[in-house]
Amino acid sequence: MAAVRLICDTGPLVAFFNRQDQYHRWAADQFDRISGPLLTCEAVISEVVFLLQDDGLTTDPLFEAVERGKLLVQFSAEEHWADLRRLVRKYEDLPMSLADACLVRMAELAEHCQVFTTDRHFRIYRRSGRHLIPMLAPF
């Protein structure tokens, strides 16, 4: 059986780097258990940078995680605009962020994956139209 790939959302990263975050302890425990690199996208990195800076925190640890290969940013939205648009339209009532659309698309492309998230919308989102997205979440 293939190894499960973890696709990382904004929430766990912000929680890990921000000790004041409500999910900090949970995120720190999860990061202690995770051995391999996490997959993510540029839209998630953008959100994390903004949220950390908005909280007055440094973004250096985030960039170090990318530079050391702990976070792999290998998804290119350029190749998936039509699919991202489809997803954002489908979930416009939530609404769905570009980062979430990228993560759902990444889950569609990865056969054995879990989305590492603190976002309850991932209980609603479906990959390939109707399939639940496996999650690693605090709820």
N, C-alpha and C. Protein backbone atom coordinates (compact mmCIF):
# COMPACT_ATOMS: atom_id res chain seq x y z
N MET A 1 0.84 -1.19 0.00
CA MET A 1 0.00 0.00 0.00
C MET A 1 0.88 1.25 0.00
N ALA A 2 0.50 2.23 -0.78
CA ALA A 2 1.27 3.46 -0.89
C ALA A 2 1.15 4.29 0.39
N ALA A 3 2.20 5.03 0.66
CA ALA A 3 2.20 5.91 1.84
C ALA A 3 1.19 7.03 1.65
N VAL A 4 0.58 7.44 2.74
CA VAL A 4 -0.37 8.55 2.70
C VAL A 4 0.41 9.85 2.67
N ARG A 5 0.10 10.70 1.70
CA ARG A 5 0.73 12.01 1.60
C ARG A 5 -0.12 13.02 2.34
N LEU A 6 0.52 13.85 3.14
CA LEU A 6 -0.20 14.89 3.86
C LEU A 6 -0.14 16.20 3.08
N ILE A 7 -1.31 16.75 2.80
CA ILE A 7 -1.45 18.02 2.10
C ILE A 7 -1.81 19.06 3.16
N CYS A 8 -0.94 20.03 3.35
CA CYS A 8 -1.05 20.95 4.48
C CYS A 8 -1.78 22.25 4.13
N ASP A 9 -2.77 22.56 4.93
CA ASP A 9 -3.55 23.78 4.82
C ASP A 9 -2.91 24.88 5.69
N THR A 10 -3.48 26.04 5.63
CA THR A 10 -2.99 27.22 6.36
C THR A 10 -3.07 27.04 7.88
N GLY A 11 -4.19 26.56 8.38
CA GLY A 11 -4.46 26.51 9.80
C GLY A 11 -3.39 25.83 10.64
N PRO A 12 -2.98 24.60 10.30
CA PRO A 12 -1.97 23.94 11.12
C PRO A 12 -0.63 24.68 11.14
N LEU A 13 -0.27 25.32 10.04
CA LEU A 13 0.99 26.06 9.99
C LEU A 13 0.92 27.30 10.88
N VAL A 14 -0.17 28.05 10.77
CA VAL A 14 -0.32 29.23 11.62
C VAL A 14 -0.35 28.80 13.08
N ALA A 15 -1.09 27.74 13.39
CA ALA A 15 -1.19 27.26 14.77
C ALA A 15 0.17 26.83 15.31
N PHE A 16 0.96 26.17 14.48
CA PHE A 16 2.27 25.71 14.93
C PHE A 16 3.20 26.88 15.23
N PHE A 17 3.21 27.88 14.36
CA PHE A 17 4.13 29.01 14.52
C PHE A 17 3.62 30.09 15.47
N ASN A 18 2.35 30.04 15.85
CA ASN A 18 1.76 31.04 16.74
C ASN A 18 1.31 30.35 18.03
N ARG A 19 2.08 30.52 19.07
CA ARG A 19 1.78 29.87 20.36
C ARG A 19 0.46 30.33 20.97
N GLN A 20 -0.08 31.45 20.50
CA GLN A 20 -1.36 31.95 21.02
C GLN A 20 -2.56 31.36 20.29
N ASP A 21 -2.33 30.64 19.21
CA ASP A 21 -3.41 30.07 18.42
C ASP A 21 -4.14 28.98 19.21
N GLN A 22 -5.44 28.91 19.06
CA GLN A 22 -6.24 27.92 19.80
C GLN A 22 -5.84 26.48 19.49
N TYR A 23 -5.26 26.24 18.31
CA TYR A 23 -4.88 24.88 17.92
C TYR A 23 -3.37 24.64 18.05
N HIS A 24 -2.66 25.54 18.73
CA HIS A 24 -1.20 25.40 18.79
C HIS A 24 -0.77 24.04 19.36
N ARG A 25 -1.28 23.64 20.49
CA ARG A 25 -0.86 22.38 21.12
C ARG A 25 -1.16 21.20 20.21
N TRP A 26 -2.35 21.18 19.61
CA TRP A 26 -2.71 20.11 18.69
C TRP A 26 -1.74 20.07 17.50
N ALA A 27 -1.49 21.23 16.90
CA ALA A 27 -0.60 21.29 15.74
C ALA A 27 0.81 20.85 16.11
N ALA A 28 1.31 21.30 17.25
CA ALA A 28 2.66 20.91 17.69
C ALA A 28 2.73 19.40 17.89
N ASP A 29 1.71 18.80 18.47
CA ASP A 29 1.67 17.34 18.65
C ASP A 29 1.69 16.63 17.30
N GLN A 30 0.93 17.14 16.35
CA GLN A 30 0.89 16.51 15.02
C GLN A 30 2.25 16.61 14.33
N PHE A 31 2.86 17.79 14.40
CA PHE A 31 4.17 17.97 13.75
C PHE A 31 5.22 17.06 14.38
N ASP A 32 5.09 16.78 15.68
CA ASP A 32 6.01 15.84 16.33
C ASP A 32 5.87 14.43 15.76
N ARG A 33 4.67 14.07 15.32
CA ARG A 33 4.39 12.72 14.81
C ARG A 33 4.68 12.57 13.32
N ILE A 34 4.70 13.65 12.60
CA ILE A 34 4.85 13.60 11.13
C ILE A 34 6.33 13.46 10.79
N SER A 35 6.63 12.44 9.99
CA SER A 35 8.04 12.21 9.65
C SER A 35 8.41 12.78 8.28
N GLY A 36 7.57 12.63 7.31
CA GLY A 36 7.91 13.06 5.95
C GLY A 36 7.55 14.50 5.70
N PRO A 37 7.91 14.99 4.54
CA PRO A 37 7.56 16.38 4.18
C PRO A 37 6.06 16.52 3.92
N LEU A 38 5.57 17.72 4.11
CA LEU A 38 4.17 18.05 3.84
C LEU A 38 4.08 18.72 2.47
N LEU A 39 3.03 18.41 1.74
CA LEU A 39 2.76 19.07 0.46
C LEU A 39 1.87 20.27 0.71
N THR A 40 2.12 21.34 -0.01
CA THR A 40 1.25 22.50 0.08
C THR A 40 1.32 23.27 -1.23
N CYS A 41 0.74 24.46 -1.24
CA CYS A 41 0.71 25.28 -2.46
C CYS A 41 1.09 26.71 -2.10
N GLU A 42 1.39 27.50 -3.12
CA GLU A 42 1.79 28.89 -2.89
C GLU A 42 0.68 29.71 -2.24
N ALA A 43 -0.58 29.39 -2.56
CA ALA A 43 -1.68 30.15 -1.96
C ALA A 43 -1.71 29.95 -0.44
N VAL A 44 -1.42 28.75 0.03
CA VAL A 44 -1.34 28.50 1.48
C VAL A 44 -0.18 29.29 2.08
N ILE A 45 0.98 29.24 1.44
CA ILE A 45 2.13 29.98 1.95
C ILE A 45 1.79 31.47 2.05
N SER A 46 1.11 32.00 1.05
CA SER A 46 0.70 33.41 1.06
C SER A 46 -0.21 33.71 2.25
N GLU A 47 -1.18 32.85 2.51
CA GLU A 47 -2.08 33.06 3.64
C GLU A 47 -1.33 33.00 4.97
N VAL A 48 -0.43 32.03 5.10
CA VAL A 48 0.32 31.89 6.36
C VAL A 48 1.19 33.12 6.60
N VAL A 49 1.88 33.58 5.57
CA VAL A 49 2.72 34.78 5.70
C VAL A 49 1.86 35.96 6.18
N PHE A 50 0.73 36.17 5.53
CA PHE A 50 -0.15 37.28 5.91
C PHE A 50 -0.61 37.15 7.36
N LEU A 51 -1.10 35.97 7.74
CA LEU A 51 -1.65 35.78 9.08
C LEU A 51 -0.58 35.89 10.17
N LEU A 52 0.60 35.36 9.92
CA LEU A 52 1.68 35.49 10.91
C LEU A 52 2.09 36.96 11.07
N GLN A 53 2.25 37.65 9.94
CA GLN A 53 2.61 39.07 10.01
C GLN A 53 1.52 39.89 10.68
N ASP A 54 0.26 39.56 10.40
CA ASP A 54 -0.87 40.27 11.01
C ASP A 54 -0.87 40.10 12.53
N ASP A 55 -0.35 38.96 12.99
CA ASP A 55 -0.24 38.71 14.43
C ASP A 55 1.08 39.23 15.01
N GLY A 56 1.88 39.92 14.20
CA GLY A 56 3.14 40.49 14.66
C GLY A 56 4.25 39.47 14.81
N LEU A 57 4.15 38.35 14.11
CA LEU A 57 5.14 37.28 14.22
C LEU A 57 6.04 37.24 13.00
N THR A 58 7.23 36.67 13.17
CA THR A 58 8.16 36.52 12.06
C THR A 58 7.73 35.37 11.15
N THR A 59 8.07 35.50 9.89
CA THR A 59 7.78 34.45 8.93
C THR A 59 9.01 33.58 8.64
N ASP A 60 10.13 33.91 9.25
CA ASP A 60 11.36 33.16 8.99
C ASP A 60 11.22 31.65 9.19
N PRO A 61 10.60 31.18 10.27
CA PRO A 61 10.48 29.73 10.43
C PRO A 61 9.71 29.05 9.30
N LEU A 62 8.72 29.73 8.76
CA LEU A 62 7.96 29.19 7.63
C LEU A 62 8.87 29.04 6.41
N PHE A 63 9.60 30.10 6.08
CA PHE A 63 10.49 30.04 4.92
C PHE A 63 11.60 29.01 5.13
N GLU A 64 12.06 28.88 6.36
CA GLU A 64 13.08 27.86 6.66
C GLU A 64 12.53 26.46 6.44
N ALA A 65 11.27 26.23 6.80
CA ALA A 65 10.65 24.92 6.59
C ALA A 65 10.58 24.60 5.09
N VAL A 66 10.28 25.61 4.28
CA VAL A 66 10.26 25.40 2.82
C VAL A 66 11.67 25.13 2.32
N GLU A 67 12.62 25.95 2.74
CA GLU A 67 14.01 25.81 2.28
C GLU A 67 14.62 24.48 2.69
N ARG A 68 14.24 23.94 3.84
CA ARG A 68 14.78 22.66 4.32
C ARG A 68 14.02 21.46 3.77
N GLY A 69 12.97 21.69 2.99
CA GLY A 69 12.22 20.60 2.39
C GLY A 69 11.21 19.96 3.32
N LYS A 70 10.88 20.60 4.43
CA LYS A 70 9.82 20.10 5.32
C LYS A 70 8.44 20.38 4.73
N LEU A 71 8.35 21.47 3.97
CA LEU A 71 7.15 21.84 3.22
C LEU A 71 7.52 21.84 1.74
N LEU A 72 6.83 21.04 0.97
CA LEU A 72 7.09 20.98 -0.47
C LEU A 72 5.99 21.75 -1.20
N VAL A 73 6.39 22.80 -1.91
CA VAL A 73 5.46 23.63 -2.67
C VAL A 73 5.62 23.23 -4.13
N GLN A 74 4.86 22.21 -4.53
CA GLN A 74 5.04 21.64 -5.87
C GLN A 74 3.81 21.78 -6.75
N PHE A 75 2.76 22.36 -6.25
CA PHE A 75 1.52 22.53 -7.02
C PHE A 75 1.57 23.85 -7.76
N SER A 76 1.29 23.82 -9.05
CA SER A 76 1.27 25.04 -9.85
C SER A 76 -0.17 25.33 -10.29
N ALA A 77 -0.73 26.41 -9.79
CA ALA A 77 -2.10 26.78 -10.17
C ALA A 77 -2.20 27.01 -11.67
N GLU A 78 -1.12 27.45 -12.27
CA GLU A 78 -1.12 27.74 -13.71
C GLU A 78 -1.64 26.56 -14.54
N GLU A 79 -1.36 25.37 -14.10
CA GLU A 79 -1.77 24.17 -14.85
C GLU A 79 -3.20 23.74 -14.53
N HIS A 80 -3.87 24.41 -13.59
CA HIS A 80 -5.16 23.94 -13.10
C HIS A 80 -6.23 25.02 -13.01
N TRP A 81 -6.09 26.13 -13.75
CA TRP A 81 -7.04 27.23 -13.59
C TRP A 81 -8.48 26.81 -13.83
N ALA A 82 -8.75 26.01 -14.83
CA ALA A 82 -10.13 25.60 -15.11
C ALA A 82 -10.71 24.79 -13.95
N ASP A 83 -9.91 23.91 -13.39
CA ASP A 83 -10.38 23.10 -12.25
C ASP A 83 -10.57 23.97 -11.00
N LEU A 84 -9.67 24.91 -10.78
CA LEU A 84 -9.79 25.81 -9.63
C LEU A 84 -11.04 26.66 -9.75
N ARG A 85 -11.30 27.15 -10.95
CA ARG A 85 -12.50 27.95 -11.20
C ARG A 85 -13.76 27.11 -10.94
N ARG A 86 -13.75 25.86 -11.40
CA ARG A 86 -14.88 24.95 -11.18
C ARG A 86 -15.15 24.78 -9.69
N LEU A 87 -14.10 24.58 -8.92
CA LEU A 87 -14.26 24.38 -7.48
C LEU A 87 -14.75 25.64 -6.77
N VAL A 88 -14.17 26.79 -7.11
CA VAL A 88 -14.59 28.05 -6.47
C VAL A 88 -16.06 28.33 -6.80
N ARG A 89 -16.48 28.06 -8.01
CA ARG A 89 -17.88 28.24 -8.39
C ARG A 89 -18.79 27.29 -7.61
N LYS A 90 -18.37 26.03 -7.53
CA LYS A 90 -19.19 25.02 -6.86
C LYS A 90 -19.44 25.37 -5.40
N TYR A 91 -18.43 25.94 -4.74
CA TYR A 91 -18.54 26.23 -3.31
C TYR A 91 -18.63 27.73 -3.02
N GLU A 92 -19.13 28.51 -3.96
CA GLU A 92 -19.17 29.96 -3.78
C GLU A 92 -20.07 30.37 -2.61
N ASP A 93 -20.97 29.52 -2.19
CA ASP A 93 -21.84 29.85 -1.06
C ASP A 93 -21.10 29.79 0.28
N LEU A 94 -19.92 29.17 0.35
CA LEU A 94 -19.19 29.07 1.63
C LEU A 94 -18.48 30.37 2.00
N PRO A 95 -17.77 31.10 1.28
CA PRO A 95 -17.14 30.84 -0.02
C PRO A 95 -15.84 30.05 0.14
N MET A 96 -15.31 29.57 -0.97
CA MET A 96 -14.06 28.82 -1.01
C MET A 96 -12.92 29.75 -1.40
N SER A 97 -11.82 29.69 -0.66
CA SER A 97 -10.64 30.49 -0.99
C SER A 97 -9.85 29.80 -2.11
N LEU A 98 -8.97 30.54 -2.74
CA LEU A 98 -8.10 29.95 -3.75
C LEU A 98 -7.22 28.88 -3.11
N ALA A 99 -6.74 29.11 -1.90
CA ALA A 99 -5.91 28.11 -1.22
C ALA A 99 -6.69 26.81 -1.04
N ASP A 100 -7.94 26.90 -0.58
CA ASP A 100 -8.75 25.69 -0.41
C ASP A 100 -8.99 24.99 -1.74
N ALA A 101 -9.24 25.76 -2.78
CA ALA A 101 -9.45 25.16 -4.10
C ALA A 101 -8.19 24.41 -4.54
N CYS A 102 -7.03 25.01 -4.31
CA CYS A 102 -5.77 24.35 -4.67
C CYS A 102 -5.61 23.04 -3.89
N LEU A 103 -5.94 23.06 -2.61
CA LEU A 103 -5.78 21.85 -1.80
C LEU A 103 -6.76 20.76 -2.22
N VAL A 104 -7.99 21.14 -2.55
CA VAL A 104 -8.94 20.14 -3.04
C VAL A 104 -8.44 19.56 -4.35
N ARG A 105 -7.92 20.41 -5.22
CA ARG A 105 -7.38 19.92 -6.49
C ARG A 105 -6.19 19.00 -6.25
N MET A 106 -5.33 19.35 -5.31
CA MET A 106 -4.19 18.49 -4.97
C MET A 106 -4.70 17.14 -4.46
N ALA A 107 -5.78 17.15 -3.67
CA ALA A 107 -6.36 15.89 -3.17
C ALA A 107 -6.95 15.08 -4.32
N GLU A 108 -7.46 15.74 -5.34
CA GLU A 108 -7.98 15.02 -6.50
C GLU A 108 -6.85 14.33 -7.26
N LEU A 109 -5.68 14.93 -7.25
CA LEU A 109 -4.55 14.40 -8.01
C LEU A 109 -3.76 13.34 -7.25
N ALA A 110 -3.86 13.33 -5.93
CA ALA A 110 -3.09 12.39 -5.10
C ALA A 110 -4.01 11.26 -4.65
N GLU A 111 -3.67 10.06 -5.02
CA GLU A 111 -4.54 8.92 -4.71
C GLU A 111 -4.64 8.65 -3.20
N HIS A 112 -3.52 8.62 -2.52
CA HIS A 112 -3.49 8.33 -1.09
C HIS A 112 -3.03 9.58 -0.35
N CYS A 113 -4.01 10.34 0.17
CA CYS A 113 -3.66 11.59 0.83
C CYS A 113 -4.61 11.89 1.96
N GLN A 114 -4.21 12.82 2.79
CA GLN A 114 -5.04 13.43 3.82
C GLN A 114 -4.76 14.92 3.78
N VAL A 115 -5.79 15.73 3.99
CA VAL A 115 -5.58 17.16 4.13
C VAL A 115 -5.45 17.45 5.62
N PHE A 116 -4.34 18.07 5.97
CA PHE A 116 -3.98 18.46 7.33
C PHE A 116 -4.54 19.86 7.52
N THR A 117 -5.61 19.99 8.31
CA THR A 117 -6.35 21.24 8.33
C THR A 117 -7.01 21.52 9.67
N THR A 118 -7.36 22.77 9.89
CA THR A 118 -8.23 23.17 10.99
C THR A 118 -9.51 23.79 10.44
N ASP A 119 -9.73 23.66 9.16
CA ASP A 119 -10.84 24.28 8.44
C ASP A 119 -11.99 23.27 8.30
N ARG A 120 -13.10 23.56 8.93
CA ARG A 120 -14.26 22.66 8.89
C ARG A 120 -14.88 22.54 7.50
N HIS A 121 -14.58 23.46 6.60
CA HIS A 121 -15.11 23.36 5.24
C HIS A 121 -14.66 22.07 4.54
N PHE A 122 -13.54 21.53 4.97
CA PHE A 122 -13.07 20.30 4.33
C PHE A 122 -13.97 19.10 4.64
N ARG A 123 -14.90 19.26 5.58
CA ARG A 123 -15.91 18.22 5.79
C ARG A 123 -17.00 18.32 4.72
N ILE A 124 -17.09 19.47 4.07
CA ILE A 124 -18.10 19.71 3.03
C ILE A 124 -17.52 19.47 1.64
N TYR A 125 -16.29 19.93 1.42
CA TYR A 125 -15.67 19.80 0.11
C TYR A 125 -15.59 18.33 -0.30
N ARG A 126 -15.66 18.11 -1.61
CA ARG A 126 -15.52 16.78 -2.18
C ARG A 126 -14.49 16.82 -3.29
N ARG A 127 -13.73 15.74 -3.41
CA ARG A 127 -12.80 15.64 -4.53
C ARG A 127 -13.48 14.84 -5.63
N SER A 128 -13.17 15.23 -6.83
CA SER A 128 -13.76 14.59 -8.01
C SER A 128 -15.27 14.55 -7.92
N GLY A 129 -15.84 15.60 -7.38
CA GLY A 129 -17.29 15.75 -7.36
C GLY A 129 -18.02 15.19 -6.18
N ARG A 130 -17.66 13.98 -5.72
CA ARG A 130 -18.49 13.35 -4.69
C ARG A 130 -17.74 12.57 -3.62
N HIS A 131 -16.44 12.50 -3.69
CA HIS A 131 -15.66 11.69 -2.75
C HIS A 131 -15.18 12.53 -1.56
N LEU A 132 -15.39 11.98 -0.37
CA LEU A 132 -14.88 12.64 0.84
C LEU A 132 -13.37 12.83 0.74
N ILE A 133 -12.89 13.89 1.34
CA ILE A 133 -11.47 14.14 1.39
C ILE A 133 -10.98 13.69 2.77
N PRO A 134 -10.11 12.71 2.83
CA PRO A 134 -9.60 12.29 4.14
C PRO A 134 -8.88 13.46 4.81
N MET A 135 -9.10 13.60 6.12
CA MET A 135 -8.53 14.74 6.84
C MET A 135 -7.76 14.30 8.07
N LEU A 136 -6.80 15.11 8.41
CA LEU A 136 -6.15 15.08 9.72
C LEU A 136 -6.54 16.42 10.34
N ALA A 137 -7.47 16.40 11.28
CA ALA A 137 -8.04 17.63 11.82
C ALA A 137 -8.33 17.46 13.31
N PRO A 138 -8.45 18.57 14.05
CA PRO A 138 -8.68 18.50 15.48
C PRO A 138 -10.15 18.28 15.87
N PHE A 139 -11.01 18.04 14.91
CA PHE A 139 -12.44 17.87 15.18
C PHE A 139 -12.94 16.58 14.55
